[in-house]
């Protein structure tokens, strides 16, 4: 009953098997091979539910999706380069009784498919041809999906995409930070950062039409977002998922959710994203930010959302400086944009601490958010603060400062804050001001740095309860 064969399909130059896993629900059963064919000579062994990568592949096995997200019933093209025969296992990521993912379908016996090397040297666009078209079954639940590529040598890599919804019943919307994934991605030699770009020169534009070099093809997903998702789904919270691109395209204003939750390092927003999130969270929509350095850089999405423009420190060269000054790709807080992130988040990004991990220091233990924790003023929870940190610098009457944790930034003593922030229009914000909060809810993949903490968990539960109240 675990596995049942549902089809032996023939496409173009050959056939391949589609394997349905009946224990995990109704699956996609509509695929079209656009290049490559079935290879009977080199069968790849089944390893059901083994979503983790144990033998990372190099450039000889990589891929990317045609969109960051897709609605059920629509098609998603996968672009794959493989020097060897391979198969694809598609997983929905979550908790699933500690398995961490649900295998939804397998596409077996695909032949080698070499894409060539005609990339665009300016945007890093791969210029590959689509390999396989997948029609997403309407039964697929909203979430983050990893398509795991496995070749005949058992080398593996991921392709990441999100399944979204038009009319979700969930009260919580989970924002996946795909702009930030691409900003740090240096596939082809360039990212929006000098440190991992050729000749230490950052690109001004980067294409979404290329694999992620980081996260073994998953981008930044496994850094913070996955931990938060695992914990939220373990606790039974109902969520709908979408990406930065979706908000840029107006999806947020169409959803009837109560809470927008940002679990990742969502550093790069477009003006449309900023407008939509700021307008929504001023009143009817609450906001939870379980990370830091969010909404820091303004970027633009062009070419049907497949090209991100980010001049950053070279903003003086951005042609929009003269034609559309409010859309210049610079820090939101900088002129001529002049929209500090604190207007949305309450907090402001302040920097990278000299110490990798510092304790979270409780400063307001009588606040209702600490109910059930047993915490007292000055109590410390080791290791929670670090990576990058935010601080509250606004009027004291507008925010409840819950934790004030000493940090040292660029040779100067400072602090990182956790806040409960009430906006004038009625919107409520909970913001943690650190990268590592989710690791203390679920430490998967980061066990060396963190373990689940009951007090952090209780604070999080209290905060979510407060944000979900009418």
Protein backbone atom coordinates (compact mmCIF):
# COMPACT_ATOMS: atom_id res chain seq x y z
CA UNK A 1 0.00 0.00 0.00
CA UNK A 2 2.96 2.35 0.33
CA UNK A 3 3.55 2.57 -3.38
CA UNK A 4 1.38 1.94 -6.37
CA UNK A 5 2.19 2.41 -10.03
CA UNK A 6 -0.26 4.65 -11.79
CA UNK A 7 1.18 5.29 -15.24
CA UNK A 8 3.67 4.40 -17.88
CA UNK A 9 3.59 7.46 -20.10
CA UNK A 10 5.11 8.00 -23.53
CA UNK A 11 6.35 11.44 -24.56
CA UNK A 12 8.24 12.56 -27.64
CA UNK A 13 11.30 10.31 -27.85
CA UNK A 14 10.51 7.78 -25.14
CA UNK A 15 8.55 6.87 -22.07
CA UNK A 16 9.21 7.16 -18.38
CA UNK A 17 7.52 6.01 -15.21
CA UNK A 18 5.53 8.19 -12.88
CA UNK A 19 5.29 6.69 -9.43
CA UNK A 20 2.50 7.69 -7.07
CA UNK A 21 2.94 7.35 -3.34
CA UNK A 22 -0.55 6.50 -2.14
CA UNK A 23 0.28 7.00 1.52
CA UNK A 24 0.85 10.70 1.00
CA UNK A 25 -2.13 11.85 -1.02
CA UNK A 26 -3.23 12.59 -4.57
CA UNK A 27 -0.30 13.47 -6.74
CA UNK A 28 0.75 15.16 -9.93
CA UNK A 29 0.30 12.77 -12.85
CA UNK A 30 0.79 15.11 -15.77
CA UNK A 31 4.34 15.58 -17.06
CA UNK A 32 5.72 16.45 -20.45
CA UNK A 33 9.36 15.80 -21.28
CA UNK A 34 10.60 18.71 -23.37
CA UNK A 35 14.16 17.48 -23.84
CA UNK A 36 15.88 14.19 -22.99
CA UNK A 37 14.24 10.77 -22.89
CA UNK A 38 13.77 7.63 -20.81
CA UNK A 39 16.89 5.57 -20.21
CA UNK A 40 16.31 1.89 -19.35
CA UNK A 41 20.00 1.11 -18.93
CA UNK A 42 20.72 2.91 -15.69
CA UNK A 43 17.89 2.52 -13.18
CA UNK A 44 18.25 4.54 -9.96
CA UNK A 45 17.31 2.80 -6.70
CA UNK A 46 14.29 3.94 -4.74
CA UNK A 47 14.92 5.61 -1.38
CA UNK A 48 11.45 6.81 -0.32
CA UNK A 49 11.29 9.78 2.08
CA UNK A 50 15.02 10.46 1.80
CA UNK A 51 14.63 14.13 1.02
CA UNK A 52 18.00 15.21 2.43
CA UNK A 53 21.03 15.43 0.19
CA UNK A 54 23.88 13.15 1.21
CA UNK A 55 26.08 13.44 -1.90
CA UNK A 56 25.96 17.01 -3.23
CA UNK A 57 26.30 17.31 -6.98
CA UNK A 58 28.36 19.91 -8.79
CA UNK A 59 27.58 21.72 -12.05
CA UNK A 60 26.94 18.35 -13.70
CA UNK A 61 23.51 18.16 -12.04
CA UNK A 62 21.66 21.42 -11.50
CA UNK A 63 18.32 22.99 -12.28
CA UNK A 64 15.85 25.80 -11.73
CA UNK A 65 12.13 26.47 -12.08
CA UNK A 66 10.41 28.83 -14.51
CA UNK A 67 8.64 30.66 -11.65
CA UNK A 68 9.20 31.18 -7.94
CA UNK A 69 5.64 30.00 -7.29
CA UNK A 70 2.69 28.37 -9.03
CA UNK A 71 -1.03 27.87 -8.47
CA UNK A 72 -2.45 24.33 -8.44
CA UNK A 73 -3.70 23.38 -11.89
CA UNK A 74 -0.99 25.39 -13.62
CA UNK A 75 2.24 24.23 -15.25
CA UNK A 76 5.77 24.74 -14.03
CA UNK A 77 8.77 24.21 -16.31
CA UNK A 78 11.97 22.76 -14.88
CA UNK A 79 15.28 23.52 -16.55
CA UNK A 80 17.82 20.79 -15.82
CA UNK A 81 21.41 20.11 -16.78
CA UNK A 82 22.51 16.52 -16.13
CA UNK A 83 25.59 14.73 -17.40
CA UNK A 84 24.14 11.37 -16.31
CA UNK A 85 20.80 9.58 -16.17
CA UNK A 86 18.67 10.90 -13.34
CA UNK A 87 15.29 10.99 -11.67
CA UNK A 88 13.27 13.65 -9.84
CA UNK A 89 11.62 13.27 -6.43
CA UNK A 90 9.32 16.13 -5.43
CA UNK A 91 8.78 16.83 -1.73
CA UNK A 92 6.55 19.19 0.18
CA UNK A 93 8.59 20.52 3.09
CA UNK A 94 7.17 20.57 6.61
CA UNK A 95 7.25 18.59 9.85
CA UNK A 96 5.52 15.28 9.05
CA UNK A 97 6.30 13.56 12.36
CA UNK A 98 9.96 14.52 12.16
CA UNK A 99 10.41 13.18 8.63
CA UNK A 100 10.64 16.80 7.55
CA UNK A 101 8.96 16.38 4.18
CA UNK A 102 6.33 14.47 2.25
CA UNK A 103 7.25 12.73 -0.99
CA UNK A 104 4.49 13.60 -3.45
CA UNK A 105 5.75 12.15 -6.70
CA UNK A 106 8.71 10.62 -8.51
CA UNK A 107 9.66 10.97 -12.16
CA UNK A 108 11.94 8.08 -13.00
CA UNK A 109 14.44 7.19 -15.70
CA UNK A 110 15.37 10.46 -17.37
CA UNK A 111 18.31 10.48 -19.76
CA UNK A 112 21.32 12.83 -19.63
CA UNK A 113 20.46 16.35 -20.74
CA UNK A 114 23.32 18.76 -21.44
CA UNK A 115 22.31 22.40 -21.62
CA UNK A 116 25.45 24.05 -22.99
CA UNK A 117 27.10 27.25 -21.74
CA UNK A 118 25.45 30.23 -23.41
CA UNK A 119 24.86 32.27 -20.24
CA UNK A 120 24.44 36.03 -20.30
CA UNK A 121 27.58 37.60 -18.84
CA UNK A 122 25.68 40.66 -17.59
CA UNK A 123 22.70 39.09 -15.84
CA UNK A 124 24.03 35.53 -15.33
CA UNK A 125 20.94 34.19 -17.12
CA UNK A 126 21.59 30.53 -17.94
CA UNK A 127 19.77 30.55 -21.30
CA UNK A 128 18.84 26.89 -20.88
CA UNK A 129 16.01 25.13 -22.64
CA UNK A 130 13.10 23.76 -20.59
CA UNK A 131 13.57 20.08 -19.78
CA UNK A 132 10.26 18.96 -18.32
CA UNK A 133 6.86 20.58 -17.79
CA UNK A 134 5.00 19.65 -14.61
CA UNK A 135 1.29 20.34 -14.21
CA UNK A 136 0.65 20.90 -10.50
CA UNK A 137 -2.27 18.80 -9.32
CA UNK A 138 -5.07 20.79 -7.69
CA UNK A 139 -4.77 18.61 -4.59
CA UNK A 140 -1.25 19.84 -3.82
CA UNK A 141 -1.22 21.78 -0.58
CA UNK A 142 0.28 25.25 -0.41
CA UNK A 143 3.87 25.11 0.76
CA UNK A 144 7.53 25.10 -0.16
CA UNK A 145 8.51 22.23 -2.46
CA UNK A 146 11.94 20.82 -3.23
CA UNK A 147 12.40 18.88 -6.43
CA UNK A 148 15.34 16.62 -5.66
CA UNK A 149 17.46 15.61 -8.65
CA UNK A 150 19.28 12.28 -8.21
CA UNK A 151 21.63 10.95 -10.87
CA UNK A 152 22.89 7.43 -11.55
CA UNK A 153 25.95 8.11 -9.37
CA UNK A 154 23.65 9.07 -6.49
CA UNK A 155 24.74 12.72 -6.67
CA UNK A 156 21.93 15.11 -5.76
CA UNK A 157 20.73 18.71 -5.93
CA UNK A 158 17.50 20.68 -5.43
CA UNK A 159 15.15 22.90 -7.36
CA UNK A 160 12.92 25.11 -5.16
CA UNK A 161 9.40 26.38 -5.81
CA UNK A 162 6.29 27.38 -3.86
CA UNK A 163 2.70 26.26 -4.38
CA UNK A 164 0.39 29.18 -3.55
CA UNK A 165 -3.38 29.66 -3.20
CA UNK A 166 -5.91 32.16 -4.54
CA UNK A 167 -8.46 31.85 -1.71
CA UNK A 168 -6.80 30.24 1.30
CA UNK A 169 -8.68 29.38 4.46
CA UNK A 170 -5.55 29.84 6.57
CA UNK A 171 -5.18 32.90 8.78
CA UNK A 172 -1.38 33.03 8.50
CA UNK A 173 0.52 33.94 5.34
CA UNK A 174 4.13 32.72 5.17
CA UNK A 175 6.38 34.92 3.02
CA UNK A 176 9.29 33.12 1.34
CA UNK A 177 12.19 35.49 0.66
CA UNK A 178 13.04 34.58 -2.93
CA UNK A 179 14.50 38.01 -3.75
CA UNK A 180 17.12 37.50 -1.06
CA UNK A 181 17.83 33.98 -2.35
CA UNK A 182 18.72 35.49 -5.71
CA UNK A 183 20.67 38.45 -4.33
CA UNK A 184 23.17 36.10 -2.67
CA UNK A 185 23.21 33.55 -5.50
CA UNK A 186 26.50 33.65 -7.42
CA UNK A 187 25.76 31.02 -10.05
CA UNK A 188 27.61 32.05 -13.20
CA UNK A 189 30.08 34.11 -11.20
CA UNK A 190 28.03 37.05 -9.95
CA UNK A 191 25.62 38.00 -7.19
CA UNK A 192 24.59 41.41 -5.84
CA UNK A 193 27.62 41.11 -3.51
CA UNK A 194 31.27 41.64 -4.24
CA UNK A 195 32.57 39.04 -1.77
CA UNK A 196 31.32 36.07 -3.83
CA UNK A 197 31.47 37.63 -7.31
CA UNK A 198 34.26 37.40 -9.85
CA UNK A 199 36.89 40.14 -9.43
CA UNK A 200 35.01 41.12 -6.24
CA UNK A 201 32.66 43.19 -8.41
CA UNK A 202 28.96 42.78 -7.69
CA UNK A 203 26.43 42.56 -10.50
CA UNK A 204 23.85 45.30 -10.97
CA UNK A 205 21.26 42.87 -12.32
CA UNK A 206 20.79 39.17 -11.64
CA UNK A 207 18.53 36.68 -13.38
CA UNK A 208 16.13 34.23 -11.77
CA UNK A 209 16.72 31.97 -14.78
CA UNK A 210 19.65 30.10 -13.24
CA UNK A 211 20.23 27.49 -10.53
CA UNK A 212 20.98 28.47 -6.94
CA UNK A 213 24.60 27.83 -6.02
CA UNK A 214 23.73 28.05 -2.34
CA UNK A 215 21.72 25.61 -0.26
CA UNK A 216 22.60 22.80 -2.69
CA UNK A 217 20.10 24.34 -5.05
CA UNK A 218 17.54 25.41 -2.42
CA UNK A 219 18.78 28.99 -2.04
CA UNK A 220 18.40 30.36 1.50
CA UNK A 221 15.42 28.15 2.35
CA UNK A 222 17.19 25.76 4.73
CA UNK A 223 18.90 28.58 6.65
CA UNK A 224 15.94 29.91 8.65
CA UNK A 225 12.59 29.49 6.90
CA UNK A 226 12.54 25.71 7.00
CA UNK A 227 13.07 25.66 10.78
CA UNK A 228 10.16 28.02 11.34
CA UNK A 229 7.93 26.05 8.98
CA UNK A 230 8.75 22.73 10.67
CA UNK A 231 7.84 24.14 14.08
CA UNK A 232 4.69 25.93 12.90
CA UNK A 233 3.36 22.83 11.16
CA UNK A 234 4.29 20.64 14.15
CA UNK A 235 2.18 22.92 16.35
CA UNK A 236 -0.75 22.71 13.96
CA UNK A 237 -0.84 26.27 12.63
CA UNK A 238 -2.62 26.56 9.29
CA UNK A 239 -0.65 28.58 6.77
CA UNK A 240 -0.69 29.66 3.16
CA UNK A 241 2.61 30.25 1.37
CA UNK A 242 3.76 32.80 -1.22
CA UNK A 243 6.93 34.53 -2.41
CA UNK A 244 8.30 38.04 -2.75
CA UNK A 245 7.31 37.94 -6.43
CA UNK A 246 3.70 37.21 -5.46
CA UNK A 247 3.48 40.26 -3.22
CA UNK A 248 5.08 42.35 -5.96
CA UNK A 249 2.24 41.12 -8.19
CA UNK A 250 -0.47 42.14 -5.72
CA UNK A 251 -1.38 38.80 -4.13
CA UNK A 252 -1.28 40.04 -0.52
CA UNK A 253 -4.13 42.50 -0.99
CA UNK A 254 -6.34 39.69 -2.34
CA UNK A 255 -5.85 37.33 0.60
CA UNK A 256 -8.01 37.36 3.71
CA UNK A 257 -5.32 36.50 6.23
CA UNK A 258 -4.87 37.95 9.71
CA UNK A 259 -1.13 37.61 10.01
CA UNK A 260 1.81 38.06 7.65
CA UNK A 261 4.75 36.03 8.93
CA UNK A 262 8.32 36.64 7.73
CA UNK A 263 10.55 33.78 8.87
CA UNK A 264 13.60 34.43 6.68
CA UNK A 265 16.23 37.03 5.94
CA UNK A 266 13.92 38.95 3.59
CA UNK A 267 16.37 41.76 2.91
CA UNK A 268 15.31 42.74 -0.63
CA UNK A 269 11.89 44.25 -1.35
CA UNK A 270 10.46 46.09 -4.33
CA UNK A 271 8.57 49.35 -3.94
CA UNK A 272 5.32 47.51 -4.68
CA UNK A 273 6.09 44.98 -1.95
CA UNK A 274 6.82 47.78 0.50
CA UNK A 275 3.65 49.64 -0.42
CA UNK A 276 1.49 46.53 -0.11
CA UNK A 277 2.94 45.32 3.19
CA UNK A 278 3.04 48.77 4.75
CA UNK A 279 -0.55 49.54 3.77
CA UNK A 280 -1.83 46.14 4.88
CA UNK A 281 -0.05 46.05 8.24
CA UNK A 282 -1.01 49.59 9.19
CA UNK A 283 -4.44 48.39 10.24
CA UNK A 284 -6.15 45.12 9.35
CA UNK A 285 -3.11 42.85 8.95
CA UNK A 286 -0.69 41.99 11.76
CA UNK A 287 2.99 41.21 11.23
CA UNK A 288 5.48 38.76 12.76
CA UNK A 289 9.17 39.08 11.87
CA UNK A 290 11.27 36.16 13.13
CA UNK A 291 14.49 37.38 11.58
CA UNK A 292 16.46 40.61 11.10
CA UNK A 293 17.76 42.91 8.36
CA UNK A 294 14.37 42.74 6.62
CA UNK A 295 13.17 45.28 4.00
CA UNK A 296 16.62 46.86 3.84
CA UNK A 297 17.38 47.18 0.10
CA UNK A 298 14.92 48.37 -2.53
CA UNK A 299 15.16 46.45 -5.81
CA UNK A 300 13.10 46.17 -8.98
CA UNK A 301 11.78 43.13 -10.83
CA UNK A 302 11.84 43.35 -14.62
CA UNK A 303 11.42 41.01 -17.60
CA UNK A 304 8.26 39.37 -16.30
CA UNK A 305 9.73 39.07 -12.79
CA UNK A 306 12.77 37.10 -13.96
CA UNK A 307 15.37 39.86 -13.57
CA UNK A 308 16.22 41.69 -10.35
CA UNK A 309 17.85 45.13 -10.51
CA UNK A 310 19.95 46.22 -7.53
CA UNK A 311 22.51 49.01 -7.95
CA UNK A 312 22.93 49.27 -4.16
CA UNK A 313 26.17 51.16 -3.37
CA UNK A 314 26.24 52.30 -7.01
CA UNK A 315 22.79 53.88 -6.78
CA UNK A 316 24.13 57.09 -8.30
CA UNK A 317 24.42 55.13 -11.58
CA UNK A 318 20.82 53.90 -11.49
CA UNK A 319 18.94 55.50 -14.42
CA UNK A 320 15.83 55.64 -12.21
CA UNK A 321 17.54 58.34 -10.14
CA UNK A 322 16.34 60.89 -12.69
CA UNK A 323 13.20 59.25 -14.03
CA UNK A 324 11.68 57.41 -11.03
CA UNK A 325 13.59 58.57 -7.92
CA UNK A 326 11.32 56.75 -5.45
CA UNK A 327 12.18 53.45 -7.14
CA UNK A 328 15.96 53.82 -7.09
CA UNK A 329 17.65 50.58 -6.03
CA UNK A 330 19.26 51.77 -2.82
CA UNK A 331 18.62 51.32 0.91
CA UNK A 332 15.02 52.14 1.75
CA UNK A 333 16.23 54.52 4.44
CA UNK A 334 18.45 56.48 2.04
CA UNK A 335 17.44 59.48 -0.09
CA UNK A 336 15.69 59.84 -2.45
CA UNK A 337 13.59 56.84 -1.25
CA UNK A 338 13.68 57.96 2.41
CA UNK A 339 11.47 55.18 3.80
CA UNK A 340 13.26 53.64 6.81
CA UNK A 341 12.24 50.05 7.47
CA UNK A 342 11.11 51.00 10.98
CA UNK A 343 7.95 52.49 9.43
CA UNK A 344 6.85 48.91 8.73
CA UNK A 345 8.76 46.75 11.21
CA UNK A 346 9.27 49.04 14.19
CA UNK A 347 12.90 47.93 14.32
CA UNK A 348 15.87 49.15 12.27
CA UNK A 349 18.80 47.06 11.05
CA UNK A 350 22.01 47.96 12.89
CA UNK A 351 24.72 45.51 11.90
CA UNK A 352 26.69 42.29 12.35
CA UNK A 353 27.78 41.57 15.95
CA UNK A 354 31.45 40.86 16.57
CA UNK A 355 30.46 37.76 18.59
CA UNK A 356 28.73 34.99 16.65
CA UNK A 357 26.10 34.27 19.31
CA UNK A 358 25.07 36.35 22.28
CA UNK A 359 22.40 35.73 24.96
CA UNK A 360 18.89 37.12 24.70
CA UNK A 361 18.49 39.32 27.80
CA UNK A 362 14.97 39.79 29.19
CA UNK A 363 14.16 43.41 30.07
CA UNK A 364 10.36 43.49 30.51
CA UNK A 365 9.31 40.19 32.15
CA UNK A 366 5.94 41.50 33.40
CA UNK A 367 4.71 41.84 29.81
CA UNK A 368 1.95 39.36 28.91
CA UNK A 369 4.12 37.86 26.19
CA UNK A 370 6.26 36.18 28.88
CA UNK A 371 3.31 34.42 30.53
CA UNK A 372 4.21 30.82 31.32
CA UNK A 373 7.94 31.28 30.78
CA UNK A 374 9.04 31.88 34.36
CA UNK A 375 11.53 34.46 33.10
CA UNK A 376 12.73 37.34 35.29
CA UNK A 377 14.37 40.64 34.49
CA UNK A 378 17.98 40.11 33.45
CA UNK A 379 17.54 36.41 32.69
CA UNK A 380 19.53 35.23 29.72
CA UNK A 381 18.80 32.64 27.02
CA UNK A 382 22.21 31.80 25.53
CA UNK A 383 22.95 32.00 21.82
CA UNK A 384 19.72 33.51 20.48
CA UNK A 385 21.13 36.85 19.35
CA UNK A 386 23.48 37.00 16.38
CA UNK A 387 24.09 36.88 12.66
CA UNK A 388 22.66 40.34 12.08
CA UNK A 389 20.66 42.41 14.54
CA UNK A 390 17.98 45.10 14.66
CA UNK A 391 17.30 47.79 17.27
CA UNK A 392 14.32 49.94 18.21
CA UNK A 393 15.04 53.67 18.14
CA UNK A 394 11.53 55.08 18.02
CA UNK A 395 9.32 56.73 20.65
CA UNK A 396 9.02 54.57 23.77
CA UNK A 397 5.24 55.00 23.93
CA UNK A 398 4.81 53.19 20.60
CA UNK A 399 6.58 49.95 21.44
CA UNK A 400 7.01 47.52 24.30
CA UNK A 401 10.67 46.58 24.45
CA UNK A 402 10.72 42.98 25.62
CA UNK A 403 14.41 42.09 25.47
CA UNK A 404 17.51 44.30 25.37
CA UNK A 405 20.58 42.25 24.51
CA UNK A 406 24.08 43.80 24.53
CA UNK A 407 26.07 43.40 21.32
CA UNK A 408 29.22 44.97 19.95
CA UNK A 409 28.91 46.37 16.44
CA UNK A 410 32.01 47.52 14.55
CA UNK A 411 33.90 48.30 17.75
CA UNK A 412 30.99 50.10 19.43
CA UNK A 413 28.74 48.79 22.22
CA UNK A 414 25.09 48.54 21.18
CA UNK A 415 21.97 46.45 21.80
CA UNK A 416 19.55 44.22 19.93
CA UNK A 417 15.85 44.44 20.74
CA UNK A 418 12.79 42.21 20.70
CA UNK A 419 9.63 44.32 20.50
CA UNK A 420 5.85 44.30 20.50
CA UNK A 421 4.90 47.27 18.37
CA UNK A 422 1.46 48.86 17.99
CA UNK A 423 0.95 50.98 14.90
CA UNK A 424 -1.21 54.09 14.96
CA UNK A 425 -3.70 52.44 12.58
CA UNK A 426 -4.14 49.44 14.88
CA UNK A 427 -1.76 46.92 13.29
CA UNK A 428 0.40 44.87 15.67
CA UNK A 429 3.98 43.74 15.10
CA UNK A 430 6.17 41.22 16.89
CA UNK A 431 9.82 41.44 15.81
CA UNK A 432 12.76 39.46 17.17
CA UNK A 433 15.71 41.46 15.82
CA UNK A 434 18.00 38.44 15.28
CA UNK A 435 18.74 35.76 12.68
CA UNK A 436 18.60 32.81 15.04
CA UNK A 437 15.18 32.81 16.71
CA UNK A 438 13.75 29.94 14.63
CA UNK A 439 16.73 27.69 15.48
CA UNK A 440 15.54 27.71 19.10
CA UNK A 441 12.10 26.48 17.99
CA UNK A 442 13.43 23.76 15.68
CA UNK A 443 17.17 23.34 15.34
CA UNK A 444 17.21 20.98 12.35
CA UNK A 445 20.46 21.46 10.45
CA UNK A 446 21.79 23.89 13.06
CA UNK A 447 22.16 21.59 16.07
CA UNK A 448 25.75 22.73 16.64
CA UNK A 449 24.50 26.25 17.36
CA UNK A 450 21.11 25.78 18.98
CA UNK A 451 18.66 23.42 20.63
CA UNK A 452 14.89 23.88 21.03
CA UNK A 453 14.13 26.13 23.99
CA UNK A 454 10.83 25.93 25.89
CA UNK A 455 10.91 29.60 26.87
CA UNK A 456 11.47 30.79 23.29
CA UNK A 457 8.67 28.46 22.25
CA UNK A 458 6.26 29.87 24.84
CA UNK A 459 7.10 33.47 23.90
CA UNK A 460 6.44 32.59 20.26
CA UNK A 461 3.12 30.91 21.05
CA UNK A 462 2.02 33.91 23.14
CA UNK A 463 3.03 36.32 20.38
CA UNK A 464 1.17 34.37 17.70
CA UNK A 465 -1.93 34.17 19.90
CA UNK A 466 -1.82 37.93 20.36
CA UNK A 467 -1.38 38.54 16.64
CA UNK A 468 -4.24 36.23 15.67
CA UNK A 469 -6.79 37.79 18.00
CA UNK A 470 -9.58 39.83 16.43
